[in-house]
N, C-alpha and C. Protein backbone atom coordinates (compact mmCIF):
# COMPACT_ATOMS: atom_id res chain seq x y z
N MET A 1 29.33 20.43 147.26
CA MET A 1 29.18 18.99 147.28
C MET A 1 29.04 18.45 145.88
N ASP A 2 29.73 17.36 145.55
CA ASP A 2 29.59 16.73 144.25
C ASP A 2 28.21 16.08 144.14
N THR A 3 27.61 16.25 142.98
CA THR A 3 26.30 15.65 142.73
C THR A 3 26.28 15.03 141.35
N VAL A 4 25.29 14.18 141.12
CA VAL A 4 25.06 13.73 139.75
C VAL A 4 24.68 14.96 138.94
N ALA A 5 24.97 14.93 137.65
CA ALA A 5 24.65 16.09 136.81
C ALA A 5 23.15 16.19 136.54
N GLU A 6 22.51 15.03 136.43
CA GLU A 6 21.08 15.00 136.14
C GLU A 6 20.51 13.71 136.71
N LEU A 7 19.34 13.81 137.32
CA LEU A 7 18.67 12.65 137.89
C LEU A 7 17.27 12.57 137.29
N THR A 8 16.97 11.44 136.65
CA THR A 8 15.64 11.21 136.11
C THR A 8 15.07 9.96 136.76
N ILE A 9 13.88 10.11 137.34
CA ILE A 9 13.21 8.98 137.98
C ILE A 9 12.02 8.58 137.12
N VAL A 10 12.02 7.33 136.70
CA VAL A 10 10.98 6.80 135.82
C VAL A 10 10.09 5.86 136.62
N ARG A 11 8.79 6.09 136.58
CA ARG A 11 7.90 5.09 137.15
C ARG A 11 7.72 3.96 136.14
N HIS A 12 7.62 2.74 136.64
CA HIS A 12 7.42 1.58 135.77
C HIS A 12 6.15 1.72 134.93
N GLY A 13 6.05 0.92 133.88
CA GLY A 13 4.84 0.88 133.07
C GLY A 13 3.67 0.29 133.84
N GLN A 14 2.50 0.42 133.26
CA GLN A 14 1.30 -0.13 133.90
C GLN A 14 1.48 -1.62 134.19
N SER A 15 1.15 -2.03 135.41
CA SER A 15 1.27 -3.43 135.81
C SER A 15 -0.10 -4.10 135.82
N VAL A 16 -0.10 -5.41 135.89
CA VAL A 16 -1.38 -6.11 135.97
C VAL A 16 -2.09 -5.78 137.28
N ALA A 17 -1.33 -5.44 138.33
CA ALA A 17 -1.95 -5.03 139.59
C ALA A 17 -2.62 -3.67 139.45
N ASN A 18 -2.00 -2.74 138.71
CA ASN A 18 -2.65 -1.45 138.46
C ASN A 18 -4.01 -1.66 137.82
N VAL A 19 -4.08 -2.57 136.86
CA VAL A 19 -5.33 -2.86 136.16
C VAL A 19 -6.33 -3.52 137.10
N ALA A 20 -5.87 -4.53 137.84
CA ALA A 20 -6.76 -5.28 138.72
C ALA A 20 -7.34 -4.41 139.83
N PHE A 21 -6.49 -3.54 140.41
CA PHE A 21 -6.97 -2.65 141.46
C PHE A 21 -8.03 -1.69 140.91
N ALA A 22 -7.77 -1.12 139.73
CA ALA A 22 -8.70 -0.18 139.13
C ALA A 22 -10.04 -0.85 138.81
N GLU A 23 -9.98 -2.07 138.30
CA GLU A 23 -11.21 -2.79 137.97
C GLU A 23 -11.99 -3.15 139.23
N ALA A 24 -11.30 -3.59 140.28
CA ALA A 24 -11.97 -3.92 141.53
C ALA A 24 -12.64 -2.69 142.13
N HIS A 25 -11.93 -1.55 142.07
CA HIS A 25 -12.50 -0.30 142.59
C HIS A 25 -13.75 0.09 141.79
N ALA A 26 -13.67 -0.01 140.46
CA ALA A 26 -14.79 0.37 139.61
C ALA A 26 -16.02 -0.50 139.87
N ARG A 27 -15.79 -1.78 140.19
CA ARG A 27 -16.88 -2.70 140.43
C ARG A 27 -17.33 -2.71 141.88
N GLY A 28 -16.53 -2.08 142.76
CA GLY A 28 -16.88 -2.03 144.17
C GLY A 28 -16.80 -3.38 144.85
N VAL A 29 -15.83 -4.21 144.44
CA VAL A 29 -15.71 -5.56 145.00
C VAL A 29 -14.41 -5.69 145.77
N ALA A 30 -14.41 -6.61 146.74
CA ALA A 30 -13.24 -6.82 147.59
C ALA A 30 -12.46 -8.04 147.12
N THR A 31 -12.22 -8.12 145.83
CA THR A 31 -11.41 -9.20 145.26
C THR A 31 -10.84 -8.73 143.94
N HIS A 32 -9.66 -9.28 143.59
CA HIS A 32 -9.07 -8.89 142.30
C HIS A 32 -8.39 -10.06 141.58
N GLY A 33 -8.29 -11.20 142.23
CA GLY A 33 -7.74 -12.38 141.56
C GLY A 33 -6.23 -12.47 141.53
N LEU A 34 -5.52 -11.50 142.11
CA LEU A 34 -4.07 -11.54 142.11
C LEU A 34 -3.56 -12.50 143.17
N THR A 35 -2.48 -13.19 142.86
CA THR A 35 -1.84 -14.07 143.84
C THR A 35 -0.33 -13.82 143.78
N GLY A 36 0.38 -14.39 144.76
CA GLY A 36 1.84 -14.26 144.76
C GLY A 36 2.31 -13.00 145.44
N ARG A 37 3.54 -12.60 145.12
CA ARG A 37 4.19 -11.46 145.77
C ARG A 37 4.10 -10.21 144.91
N ASP A 38 4.04 -9.08 145.58
CA ASP A 38 4.06 -7.80 144.87
C ASP A 38 5.31 -7.68 143.99
N ALA A 39 6.44 -8.18 144.49
CA ALA A 39 7.69 -8.08 143.74
C ALA A 39 7.64 -8.80 142.40
N ASP A 40 6.73 -9.75 142.26
CA ASP A 40 6.68 -10.56 141.04
C ASP A 40 5.60 -10.10 140.05
N ILE A 41 4.89 -9.03 140.36
CA ILE A 41 3.83 -8.55 139.48
C ILE A 41 4.44 -8.04 138.17
N PRO A 42 3.96 -8.54 137.02
CA PRO A 42 4.53 -8.11 135.74
C PRO A 42 3.80 -6.91 135.14
N LEU A 43 4.33 -6.42 134.05
CA LEU A 43 3.66 -5.39 133.27
C LEU A 43 2.43 -5.97 132.59
N SER A 44 1.45 -5.11 132.40
CA SER A 44 0.30 -5.46 131.57
C SER A 44 0.68 -5.27 130.10
N PRO A 45 -0.13 -5.74 129.17
CA PRO A 45 0.16 -5.45 127.75
C PRO A 45 0.29 -3.96 127.48
N SER A 46 -0.56 -3.14 128.11
CA SER A 46 -0.45 -1.69 127.94
C SER A 46 0.86 -1.18 128.52
N GLY A 47 1.28 -1.73 129.66
CA GLY A 47 2.54 -1.32 130.27
C GLY A 47 3.73 -1.63 129.38
N ARG A 48 3.68 -2.76 128.70
CA ARG A 48 4.77 -3.09 127.78
C ARG A 48 4.82 -2.11 126.62
N ARG A 49 3.65 -1.73 126.12
CA ARG A 49 3.62 -0.73 125.03
C ARG A 49 4.12 0.62 125.52
N GLN A 50 3.77 1.01 126.74
CA GLN A 50 4.26 2.27 127.30
C GLN A 50 5.78 2.28 127.37
N ALA A 51 6.36 1.18 127.82
CA ALA A 51 7.82 1.10 127.94
C ALA A 51 8.49 1.16 126.58
N THR A 52 7.88 0.53 125.58
CA THR A 52 8.43 0.60 124.23
C THR A 52 8.39 2.02 123.70
N ARG A 53 7.28 2.72 123.94
CA ARG A 53 7.19 4.12 123.49
C ARG A 53 8.24 4.97 124.20
N LEU A 54 8.47 4.72 125.48
CA LEU A 54 9.51 5.46 126.20
C LEU A 54 10.87 5.20 125.56
N GLY A 55 11.15 3.96 125.20
CA GLY A 55 12.41 3.65 124.55
C GLY A 55 12.57 4.36 123.22
N ARG A 56 11.51 4.40 122.43
CA ARG A 56 11.57 5.09 121.14
C ARG A 56 11.80 6.58 121.33
N TRP A 57 11.14 7.15 122.35
CA TRP A 57 11.34 8.57 122.64
C TRP A 57 12.79 8.83 123.03
N LEU A 58 13.33 7.99 123.92
CA LEU A 58 14.70 8.18 124.37
C LEU A 58 15.68 8.05 123.21
N ALA A 59 15.44 7.11 122.32
CA ALA A 59 16.32 6.92 121.17
C ALA A 59 16.36 8.15 120.27
N ALA A 60 15.27 8.92 120.28
CA ALA A 60 15.20 10.10 119.43
C ALA A 60 15.78 11.35 120.08
N GLN A 61 16.17 11.25 121.36
CA GLN A 61 16.70 12.41 122.07
C GLN A 61 18.18 12.62 121.74
N PRO A 62 18.67 13.86 121.88
CA PRO A 62 20.10 14.09 121.66
C PRO A 62 20.94 13.37 122.70
N ALA A 63 22.20 13.18 122.39
CA ALA A 63 23.09 12.39 123.25
C ALA A 63 23.15 12.93 124.68
N ASP A 64 23.02 14.24 124.84
CA ASP A 64 23.13 14.81 126.19
C ASP A 64 21.87 14.59 127.03
N ARG A 65 20.89 13.87 126.50
CA ARG A 65 19.73 13.47 127.28
C ARG A 65 19.73 11.98 127.61
N HIS A 66 20.71 11.25 127.10
CA HIS A 66 20.78 9.82 127.36
C HIS A 66 21.44 9.56 128.71
N PRO A 67 20.98 8.57 129.45
CA PRO A 67 21.60 8.29 130.75
C PRO A 67 23.00 7.69 130.60
N ASP A 68 23.87 8.08 131.52
CA ASP A 68 25.19 7.45 131.62
C ASP A 68 25.14 6.21 132.50
N HIS A 69 24.18 6.21 133.42
CA HIS A 69 24.09 5.10 134.38
C HIS A 69 22.62 4.90 134.72
N VAL A 70 22.21 3.64 134.84
CA VAL A 70 20.82 3.31 135.13
C VAL A 70 20.77 2.39 136.35
N VAL A 71 19.88 2.72 137.28
CA VAL A 71 19.67 1.90 138.46
C VAL A 71 18.18 1.57 138.53
N CYS A 72 17.87 0.32 138.80
CA CYS A 72 16.50 -0.15 138.70
C CYS A 72 16.07 -0.85 139.98
N SER A 73 14.81 -0.67 140.35
CA SER A 73 14.21 -1.49 141.39
C SER A 73 14.25 -2.95 140.94
N PRO A 74 14.48 -3.89 141.87
CA PRO A 74 14.48 -5.30 141.48
C PRO A 74 13.10 -5.88 141.24
N TYR A 75 12.04 -5.12 141.50
CA TYR A 75 10.70 -5.64 141.25
C TYR A 75 10.51 -5.91 139.75
N ARG A 76 9.77 -6.96 139.47
CA ARG A 76 9.65 -7.44 138.08
C ARG A 76 9.13 -6.35 137.14
N ARG A 77 8.13 -5.60 137.54
CA ARG A 77 7.54 -4.60 136.65
C ARG A 77 8.53 -3.49 136.30
N ALA A 78 9.42 -3.15 137.24
CA ALA A 78 10.44 -2.14 136.95
C ALA A 78 11.51 -2.71 136.03
N ARG A 79 11.95 -3.94 136.30
CA ARG A 79 12.97 -4.56 135.45
C ARG A 79 12.46 -4.75 134.03
N GLN A 80 11.19 -5.15 133.90
CA GLN A 80 10.61 -5.32 132.57
C GLN A 80 10.53 -3.98 131.84
N THR A 81 10.22 -2.93 132.57
CA THR A 81 10.14 -1.61 131.94
C THR A 81 11.48 -1.22 131.34
N TRP A 82 12.55 -1.33 132.15
CA TRP A 82 13.85 -0.93 131.61
C TRP A 82 14.31 -1.89 130.51
N ALA A 83 13.99 -3.18 130.63
CA ALA A 83 14.40 -4.13 129.60
C ALA A 83 13.83 -3.75 128.24
N ARG A 84 12.57 -3.31 128.21
CA ARG A 84 11.97 -2.92 126.93
C ARG A 84 12.56 -1.61 126.43
N VAL A 85 12.83 -0.68 127.35
CA VAL A 85 13.49 0.57 126.94
C VAL A 85 14.87 0.25 126.38
N ALA A 86 15.63 -0.59 127.07
CA ALA A 86 16.99 -0.91 126.65
C ALA A 86 16.99 -1.64 125.30
N ASP A 87 16.03 -2.52 125.10
CA ASP A 87 15.94 -3.23 123.81
C ASP A 87 15.70 -2.24 122.68
N THR A 88 14.87 -1.23 122.95
CA THR A 88 14.53 -0.25 121.93
C THR A 88 15.68 0.69 121.65
N THR A 89 16.52 0.93 122.67
CA THR A 89 17.62 1.89 122.52
C THR A 89 18.97 1.19 122.44
N ALA A 90 18.99 -0.06 122.03
CA ALA A 90 20.23 -0.86 122.06
C ALA A 90 21.37 -0.21 121.28
N THR A 91 21.05 0.49 120.20
CA THR A 91 22.10 1.09 119.38
C THR A 91 22.75 2.29 120.04
N LEU A 92 22.18 2.78 121.15
CA LEU A 92 22.74 3.96 121.82
C LEU A 92 23.90 3.59 122.74
N GLY A 93 24.06 2.32 123.03
CA GLY A 93 25.13 1.91 123.94
C GLY A 93 24.88 2.30 125.37
N VAL A 94 23.61 2.35 125.79
CA VAL A 94 23.28 2.70 127.17
C VAL A 94 23.80 1.61 128.10
N THR A 95 24.34 2.03 129.22
CA THR A 95 24.95 1.09 130.16
C THR A 95 23.93 0.07 130.66
N PRO A 96 24.35 -1.17 130.93
CA PRO A 96 23.44 -2.15 131.53
C PRO A 96 22.92 -1.65 132.87
N VAL A 97 21.78 -2.16 133.25
CA VAL A 97 21.13 -1.69 134.46
C VAL A 97 21.76 -2.32 135.70
N ASP A 98 21.84 -1.54 136.79
CA ASP A 98 22.16 -2.05 138.12
C ASP A 98 20.86 -2.16 138.91
N LEU A 99 20.76 -3.16 139.78
CA LEU A 99 19.59 -3.31 140.64
C LEU A 99 19.92 -2.82 142.05
N ASP A 100 18.97 -2.13 142.67
CA ASP A 100 19.16 -1.62 144.02
C ASP A 100 17.87 -1.87 144.81
N GLY A 101 17.96 -2.72 145.82
CA GLY A 101 16.80 -3.06 146.62
C GLY A 101 16.21 -1.91 147.40
N ARG A 102 16.93 -0.81 147.52
CA ARG A 102 16.40 0.36 148.22
C ARG A 102 15.40 1.12 147.38
N LEU A 103 15.25 0.75 146.11
CA LEU A 103 14.32 1.44 145.21
C LEU A 103 13.00 0.70 145.04
N VAL A 104 12.73 -0.29 145.89
CA VAL A 104 11.47 -1.02 145.76
C VAL A 104 10.30 -0.13 146.17
N ASP A 105 9.10 -0.60 145.84
CA ASP A 105 7.88 0.12 146.20
C ASP A 105 7.72 0.12 147.72
N ARG A 106 6.82 0.94 148.22
CA ARG A 106 6.54 0.95 149.66
C ARG A 106 6.13 -0.45 150.11
N LEU A 107 6.76 -0.94 151.16
CA LEU A 107 6.46 -2.27 151.67
C LEU A 107 5.20 -2.22 152.54
N MET A 108 4.23 -3.05 152.17
CA MET A 108 2.93 -3.02 152.86
C MET A 108 2.75 -4.19 153.83
N GLY A 109 3.79 -5.02 153.99
CA GLY A 109 3.73 -6.08 154.99
C GLY A 109 2.55 -7.01 154.79
N GLU A 110 1.76 -7.20 155.86
CA GLU A 110 0.63 -8.12 155.81
C GLU A 110 -0.49 -7.63 154.89
N LEU A 111 -0.43 -6.39 154.48
CA LEU A 111 -1.48 -5.83 153.62
C LEU A 111 -1.06 -5.80 152.15
N GLU A 112 0.02 -6.49 151.83
CA GLU A 112 0.53 -6.49 150.45
C GLU A 112 -0.55 -6.96 149.47
N LEU A 113 -0.69 -6.20 148.39
CA LEU A 113 -1.62 -6.50 147.29
C LEU A 113 -3.10 -6.49 147.71
N LEU A 114 -3.41 -5.79 148.81
CA LEU A 114 -4.80 -5.66 149.22
C LEU A 114 -5.32 -4.27 148.85
N THR A 115 -6.52 -4.21 148.29
CA THR A 115 -7.16 -2.94 148.00
C THR A 115 -7.72 -2.35 149.30
N PRO A 116 -8.08 -1.06 149.30
CA PRO A 116 -8.68 -0.48 150.51
C PRO A 116 -9.92 -1.24 150.98
N LEU A 117 -10.76 -1.68 150.05
CA LEU A 117 -11.96 -2.41 150.44
C LEU A 117 -11.61 -3.78 151.03
N MET A 118 -10.60 -4.42 150.49
CA MET A 118 -10.15 -5.70 151.05
C MET A 118 -9.60 -5.51 152.46
N ILE A 119 -8.87 -4.43 152.68
CA ILE A 119 -8.35 -4.14 154.02
C ILE A 119 -9.50 -3.89 155.00
N ALA A 120 -10.49 -3.11 154.55
CA ALA A 120 -11.62 -2.80 155.42
C ALA A 120 -12.37 -4.05 155.83
N GLU A 121 -12.50 -5.01 154.91
CA GLU A 121 -13.25 -6.22 155.21
C GLU A 121 -12.43 -7.22 156.04
N ARG A 122 -11.13 -7.32 155.75
CA ARG A 122 -10.32 -8.36 156.39
C ARG A 122 -9.62 -7.85 157.65
N PHE A 123 -9.26 -6.57 157.64
CA PHE A 123 -8.51 -5.99 158.77
C PHE A 123 -9.14 -4.66 159.17
N PRO A 124 -10.36 -4.68 159.70
CA PRO A 124 -11.04 -3.41 160.01
C PRO A 124 -10.28 -2.53 160.99
N ALA A 125 -9.55 -3.13 161.93
CA ALA A 125 -8.78 -2.33 162.88
C ALA A 125 -7.67 -1.57 162.16
N GLU A 126 -7.05 -2.20 161.16
CA GLU A 126 -6.01 -1.53 160.39
C GLU A 126 -6.61 -0.42 159.54
N ALA A 127 -7.77 -0.65 158.98
CA ALA A 127 -8.43 0.40 158.20
C ALA A 127 -8.72 1.62 159.07
N ALA A 128 -9.14 1.38 160.32
CA ALA A 128 -9.40 2.49 161.24
C ALA A 128 -8.11 3.21 161.59
N ARG A 129 -7.03 2.45 161.80
CA ARG A 129 -5.75 3.07 162.14
C ARG A 129 -5.21 3.87 160.96
N LEU A 130 -5.39 3.36 159.76
CA LEU A 130 -4.99 4.10 158.56
C LEU A 130 -5.74 5.42 158.46
N ALA A 131 -7.03 5.39 158.73
CA ALA A 131 -7.82 6.61 158.67
C ALA A 131 -7.36 7.63 159.72
N THR A 132 -6.92 7.15 160.87
CA THR A 132 -6.46 8.03 161.94
C THR A 132 -5.06 8.59 161.66
N ASP A 133 -4.15 7.71 161.24
CA ASP A 133 -2.76 8.11 161.04
C ASP A 133 -2.55 8.87 159.74
N GLY A 134 -3.36 8.59 158.73
CA GLY A 134 -3.15 9.17 157.41
C GLY A 134 -2.25 8.26 156.57
N PRO A 135 -2.33 8.35 155.26
CA PRO A 135 -1.64 7.40 154.38
C PRO A 135 -0.13 7.46 154.44
N TYR A 136 0.44 8.58 154.84
CA TYR A 136 1.90 8.70 154.83
C TYR A 136 2.54 8.26 156.15
N ALA A 137 1.88 8.55 157.27
CA ALA A 137 2.42 8.18 158.58
C ALA A 137 2.02 6.76 158.98
N TYR A 138 1.00 6.21 158.36
CA TYR A 138 0.52 4.87 158.73
C TYR A 138 1.57 3.81 158.42
N ARG A 139 1.77 2.91 159.41
CA ARG A 139 2.68 1.78 159.21
C ARG A 139 1.85 0.49 159.20
N PRO A 140 1.70 -0.16 158.05
CA PRO A 140 1.00 -1.43 158.04
C PRO A 140 1.78 -2.49 158.80
N PRO A 141 1.12 -3.52 159.31
CA PRO A 141 1.84 -4.57 160.04
C PRO A 141 2.94 -5.18 159.17
N GLY A 142 4.18 -5.05 159.65
CA GLY A 142 5.31 -5.56 158.90
C GLY A 142 5.73 -4.70 157.72
N GLY A 143 5.16 -3.50 157.61
CA GLY A 143 5.44 -2.64 156.46
C GLY A 143 6.11 -1.33 156.82
N GLU A 144 6.00 -0.36 155.93
CA GLU A 144 6.74 0.90 156.04
C GLU A 144 5.82 2.12 156.08
N THR A 145 6.28 3.16 156.75
CA THR A 145 5.73 4.50 156.57
C THR A 145 6.46 5.14 155.39
N PHE A 146 5.98 6.31 154.96
CA PHE A 146 6.70 7.01 153.89
C PHE A 146 8.02 7.58 154.40
N ASP A 147 8.14 7.83 155.69
CA ASP A 147 9.44 8.24 156.23
C ASP A 147 10.47 7.12 156.04
N ASP A 148 10.04 5.88 156.16
CA ASP A 148 10.94 4.75 155.92
C ASP A 148 11.37 4.71 154.46
N VAL A 149 10.43 4.91 153.56
CA VAL A 149 10.77 4.93 152.13
C VAL A 149 11.75 6.06 151.86
N ALA A 150 11.48 7.23 152.44
CA ALA A 150 12.37 8.38 152.24
C ALA A 150 13.77 8.09 152.74
N ALA A 151 13.90 7.37 153.85
CA ALA A 151 15.23 7.07 154.41
C ALA A 151 16.04 6.23 153.44
N ARG A 152 15.43 5.23 152.82
CA ARG A 152 16.22 4.41 151.89
C ARG A 152 16.49 5.14 150.58
N VAL A 153 15.55 6.00 150.17
CA VAL A 153 15.81 6.80 148.97
C VAL A 153 16.94 7.80 149.24
N ARG A 154 16.95 8.40 150.41
CA ARG A 154 18.02 9.33 150.79
C ARG A 154 19.38 8.64 150.75
N ALA A 155 19.46 7.43 151.26
CA ALA A 155 20.72 6.68 151.26
C ALA A 155 21.15 6.34 149.83
N THR A 156 20.19 5.99 148.99
CA THR A 156 20.50 5.70 147.58
C THR A 156 21.06 6.93 146.88
N LEU A 157 20.44 8.07 147.09
CA LEU A 157 20.90 9.30 146.45
C LEU A 157 22.29 9.67 146.91
N ALA A 158 22.57 9.49 148.19
CA ALA A 158 23.92 9.80 148.70
C ALA A 158 24.96 8.93 148.00
N ASP A 159 24.66 7.66 147.79
CA ASP A 159 25.59 6.78 147.10
C ASP A 159 25.76 7.19 145.64
N LEU A 160 24.68 7.57 145.00
CA LEU A 160 24.77 8.00 143.60
C LEU A 160 25.64 9.23 143.46
N HIS A 161 25.48 10.19 144.35
CA HIS A 161 26.31 11.39 144.30
C HIS A 161 27.78 11.05 144.46
N ARG A 162 28.05 10.12 145.34
CA ARG A 162 29.44 9.76 145.61
C ARG A 162 30.06 8.98 144.44
N ARG A 163 29.30 8.09 143.86
CA ARG A 163 29.85 7.19 142.83
C ARG A 163 29.70 7.71 141.41
N HIS A 164 28.73 8.61 141.19
CA HIS A 164 28.44 9.02 139.81
C HIS A 164 28.32 10.53 139.67
N ALA A 165 29.11 11.26 140.43
CA ALA A 165 29.10 12.73 140.34
C ALA A 165 29.38 13.16 138.91
N GLY A 166 28.60 14.13 138.45
CA GLY A 166 28.80 14.68 137.12
C GLY A 166 28.20 13.84 136.00
N ARG A 167 27.49 12.77 136.34
CA ARG A 167 26.92 11.90 135.31
C ARG A 167 25.39 12.02 135.31
N ARG A 168 24.80 11.62 134.19
CA ARG A 168 23.34 11.58 134.08
C ARG A 168 22.86 10.20 134.52
N VAL A 169 22.00 10.17 135.53
CA VAL A 169 21.55 8.91 136.13
C VAL A 169 20.04 8.77 135.98
N TRP A 170 19.61 7.60 135.59
CA TRP A 170 18.19 7.26 135.56
C TRP A 170 17.90 6.23 136.65
N LEU A 171 16.80 6.44 137.37
CA LEU A 171 16.27 5.45 138.30
C LEU A 171 14.95 4.96 137.75
N VAL A 172 14.79 3.66 137.65
CA VAL A 172 13.52 3.07 137.19
C VAL A 172 12.89 2.40 138.39
N ALA A 173 11.77 2.96 138.85
CA ALA A 173 11.25 2.52 140.14
C ALA A 173 9.74 2.67 140.21
N HIS A 174 9.24 3.27 141.29
CA HIS A 174 7.82 3.25 141.63
C HIS A 174 7.36 4.64 142.04
N ASP A 175 6.03 4.84 142.05
CA ASP A 175 5.54 6.17 142.40
C ASP A 175 5.92 6.55 143.82
N ALA A 176 5.99 5.57 144.74
CA ALA A 176 6.40 5.88 146.11
C ALA A 176 7.82 6.42 146.16
N VAL A 177 8.68 5.93 145.29
CA VAL A 177 10.07 6.42 145.23
C VAL A 177 10.10 7.85 144.70
N VAL A 178 9.27 8.14 143.71
CA VAL A 178 9.20 9.51 143.18
C VAL A 178 8.76 10.48 144.29
N VAL A 179 7.71 10.11 145.02
CA VAL A 179 7.21 10.96 146.09
C VAL A 179 8.28 11.15 147.17
N ALA A 180 8.94 10.07 147.55
CA ALA A 180 9.98 10.16 148.58
C ALA A 180 11.14 11.02 148.10
N ALA A 181 11.50 10.92 146.83
CA ALA A 181 12.60 11.72 146.30
C ALA A 181 12.27 13.21 146.36
N ARG A 182 11.04 13.57 146.03
CA ARG A 182 10.66 14.99 146.11
C ARG A 182 10.71 15.47 147.57
N HIS A 183 10.31 14.63 148.49
CA HIS A 183 10.39 14.97 149.91
C HIS A 183 11.84 15.21 150.32
N VAL A 184 12.75 14.33 149.88
CA VAL A 184 14.15 14.41 150.26
C VAL A 184 14.85 15.58 149.58
N LEU A 185 14.66 15.72 148.27
CA LEU A 185 15.42 16.70 147.49
C LEU A 185 14.87 18.12 147.61
N GLU A 186 13.57 18.26 147.82
CA GLU A 186 12.97 19.59 147.84
C GLU A 186 12.46 20.01 149.20
N GLY A 187 12.48 19.09 150.16
CA GLY A 187 12.01 19.42 151.50
C GLY A 187 10.51 19.61 151.58
N LEU A 188 9.77 19.07 150.62
CA LEU A 188 8.32 19.20 150.65
C LEU A 188 7.73 18.27 151.70
N SER A 189 6.74 18.75 152.41
CA SER A 189 6.06 17.89 153.38
C SER A 189 5.18 16.90 152.61
N PHE A 190 4.80 15.82 153.28
CA PHE A 190 3.93 14.85 152.62
C PHE A 190 2.54 15.45 152.40
N ALA A 191 2.14 16.38 153.24
CA ALA A 191 0.86 17.07 153.00
C ALA A 191 0.93 17.90 151.71
N ASP A 192 2.06 18.60 151.52
CA ASP A 192 2.24 19.36 150.28
C ASP A 192 2.24 18.42 149.07
N LEU A 193 2.93 17.31 149.21
CA LEU A 193 3.01 16.36 148.11
C LEU A 193 1.65 15.74 147.81
N ASP A 194 0.86 15.50 148.84
CA ASP A 194 -0.47 14.95 148.63
C ASP A 194 -1.32 15.91 147.80
N ALA A 195 -1.19 17.20 148.06
CA ALA A 195 -1.93 18.20 147.28
C ALA A 195 -1.45 18.23 145.83
N ILE A 196 -0.16 18.09 145.63
CA ILE A 196 0.39 18.06 144.27
C ILE A 196 -0.11 16.84 143.52
N LEU A 197 -0.09 15.68 144.19
CA LEU A 197 -0.50 14.44 143.55
C LEU A 197 -1.99 14.43 143.21
N ALA A 198 -2.76 15.21 143.94
CA ALA A 198 -4.20 15.27 143.67
C ALA A 198 -4.48 15.84 142.28
N THR A 199 -3.59 16.69 141.79
CA THR A 199 -3.77 17.28 140.46
C THR A 199 -2.81 16.72 139.43
N THR A 200 -1.66 16.20 139.89
CA THR A 200 -0.65 15.66 138.98
C THR A 200 -0.17 14.32 139.50
N PRO A 201 -0.90 13.25 139.23
CA PRO A 201 -0.45 11.93 139.69
C PRO A 201 0.80 11.48 138.95
N VAL A 202 1.53 10.55 139.54
CA VAL A 202 2.73 10.00 138.92
C VAL A 202 2.30 8.89 137.97
N ALA A 203 2.15 9.23 136.71
CA ALA A 203 1.65 8.29 135.72
C ALA A 203 2.68 7.22 135.40
N ASN A 204 2.20 6.09 134.90
CA ASN A 204 3.10 5.03 134.48
C ASN A 204 4.03 5.51 133.37
N THR A 205 5.29 5.16 133.49
CA THR A 205 6.42 5.56 132.61
C THR A 205 6.62 7.08 132.55
N SER A 206 6.08 7.80 133.53
CA SER A 206 6.34 9.25 133.57
C SER A 206 7.76 9.51 134.04
N LEU A 207 8.27 10.70 133.71
CA LEU A 207 9.63 11.12 134.03
C LEU A 207 9.59 12.28 135.02
N THR A 208 10.36 12.16 136.09
CA THR A 208 10.57 13.27 137.02
C THR A 208 12.06 13.57 136.99
N ARG A 209 12.41 14.78 136.56
CA ARG A 209 13.82 15.06 136.23
C ARG A 209 14.35 16.23 137.03
N TYR A 210 15.58 16.05 137.53
CA TYR A 210 16.32 17.09 138.26
C TYR A 210 17.64 17.36 137.53
N VAL A 211 18.06 18.61 137.57
CA VAL A 211 19.34 19.01 136.98
C VAL A 211 20.16 19.73 138.05
N ALA A 212 21.46 19.41 138.10
CA ALA A 212 22.33 20.00 139.11
C ALA A 212 22.61 21.46 138.80
N THR A 213 22.42 22.31 139.81
CA THR A 213 22.72 23.74 139.71
C THR A 213 23.40 24.17 141.00
N HIS A 214 24.66 24.61 140.88
CA HIS A 214 25.40 25.08 142.06
C HIS A 214 25.40 24.04 143.18
N GLY A 215 25.66 22.79 142.83
CA GLY A 215 25.82 21.76 143.83
C GLY A 215 24.54 21.18 144.39
N ARG A 216 23.39 21.51 143.81
CA ARG A 216 22.13 20.94 144.28
C ARG A 216 21.29 20.54 143.08
N LEU A 217 20.36 19.64 143.31
CA LEU A 217 19.48 19.19 142.23
C LEU A 217 18.19 19.99 142.26
N ASP A 218 17.86 20.60 141.13
CA ASP A 218 16.64 21.38 141.00
C ASP A 218 15.66 20.66 140.07
N LEU A 219 14.40 20.63 140.47
CA LEU A 219 13.37 20.00 139.67
C LEU A 219 13.12 20.79 138.39
N VAL A 220 13.12 20.09 137.25
CA VAL A 220 12.82 20.74 135.98
C VAL A 220 11.56 20.18 135.32
N GLU A 221 11.17 18.97 135.66
CA GLU A 221 9.88 18.46 135.21
C GLU A 221 9.42 17.34 136.14
N PHE A 222 8.10 17.28 136.32
CA PHE A 222 7.52 16.31 137.24
C PHE A 222 6.42 15.52 136.56
N ALA A 223 6.55 14.19 136.64
CA ALA A 223 5.53 13.27 136.12
C ALA A 223 5.20 13.57 134.66
N ALA A 224 6.21 13.92 133.89
CA ALA A 224 6.02 14.25 132.48
C ALA A 224 5.96 12.97 131.64
N VAL A 225 5.15 12.99 130.60
CA VAL A 225 5.02 11.83 129.71
C VAL A 225 5.18 12.32 128.27
N PRO A 226 6.38 12.76 127.90
CA PRO A 226 6.58 13.30 126.54
C PRO A 226 6.42 12.27 125.45
N HIS A 227 6.44 10.98 125.81
CA HIS A 227 6.33 9.91 124.85
C HIS A 227 4.89 9.38 124.71
N ALA A 228 3.93 10.05 125.36
CA ALA A 228 2.55 9.59 125.29
C ALA A 228 2.04 9.66 123.86
N PRO A 229 1.18 8.73 123.45
CA PRO A 229 0.67 8.74 122.07
C PRO A 229 -0.26 9.91 121.83
C-alpha cells in the first residue's frame, strides 16, 4: 500500500485555555474566566514563543526533515502555531498550510471549555457518567468519544496516503489527535495509551513522528520537544 514517507504530528503551542485550566485547578476553583468557543482560543504568550522556537529548530534541520505538505486543524491555536513556524521558516519554501476540519480537538459538546470541577458542580450526572464510562468511552452531551476522534483521524490518514504518498507530511493539531493517531496506526488500546500518557504527556509543540517502512508507518519518536530551551 502506498503511504506517506513520513508523518509528523505537532501539538499546538500553549493556549490561554491551557493556562486558565491549570490555574483554576491549582486554586481549586470552578471558574476560569474564559468565554466564547473552544475553536477561537488563541495561543498564550508562552505558546507563541514555543511556536517560534519550533520554527527556528525546523529551519536548522536538513532538507530531508522539512515537510513537503502541511495540514492544520482549523482551530485558532493550531493555525497560530503553524503561522509562527511558517514565518520563521519562510526562506525554506515550505508549502502553505491546508486546513482539515477532521483534525480538530475532541468535541465536548455542552461541556466545552468546562474544567472537571465545573462539570461536577454544573452537571453532576455527567460527572458521575464520566466516572463510570471512563475518559475515553465517555460521550459528553453533543460531543465525541475517543472512538469518534479516531474515526475522523483514520479517514484523514487514508486521504493523506492516497494524495501524498512518498511525501513528508506534517499535521498541526491537538493532543487528542496524537492519541487517536497512535490508536489507529499502532493498534494500541486506549488503556495502553493512558498508561503511556501518565509518564509521557503530549507537551505543547511536541513532535510525534512516523517513518514509512515496508508500506507501514513506524513510530520513531513520541511527544519529543527537541526545540525546548
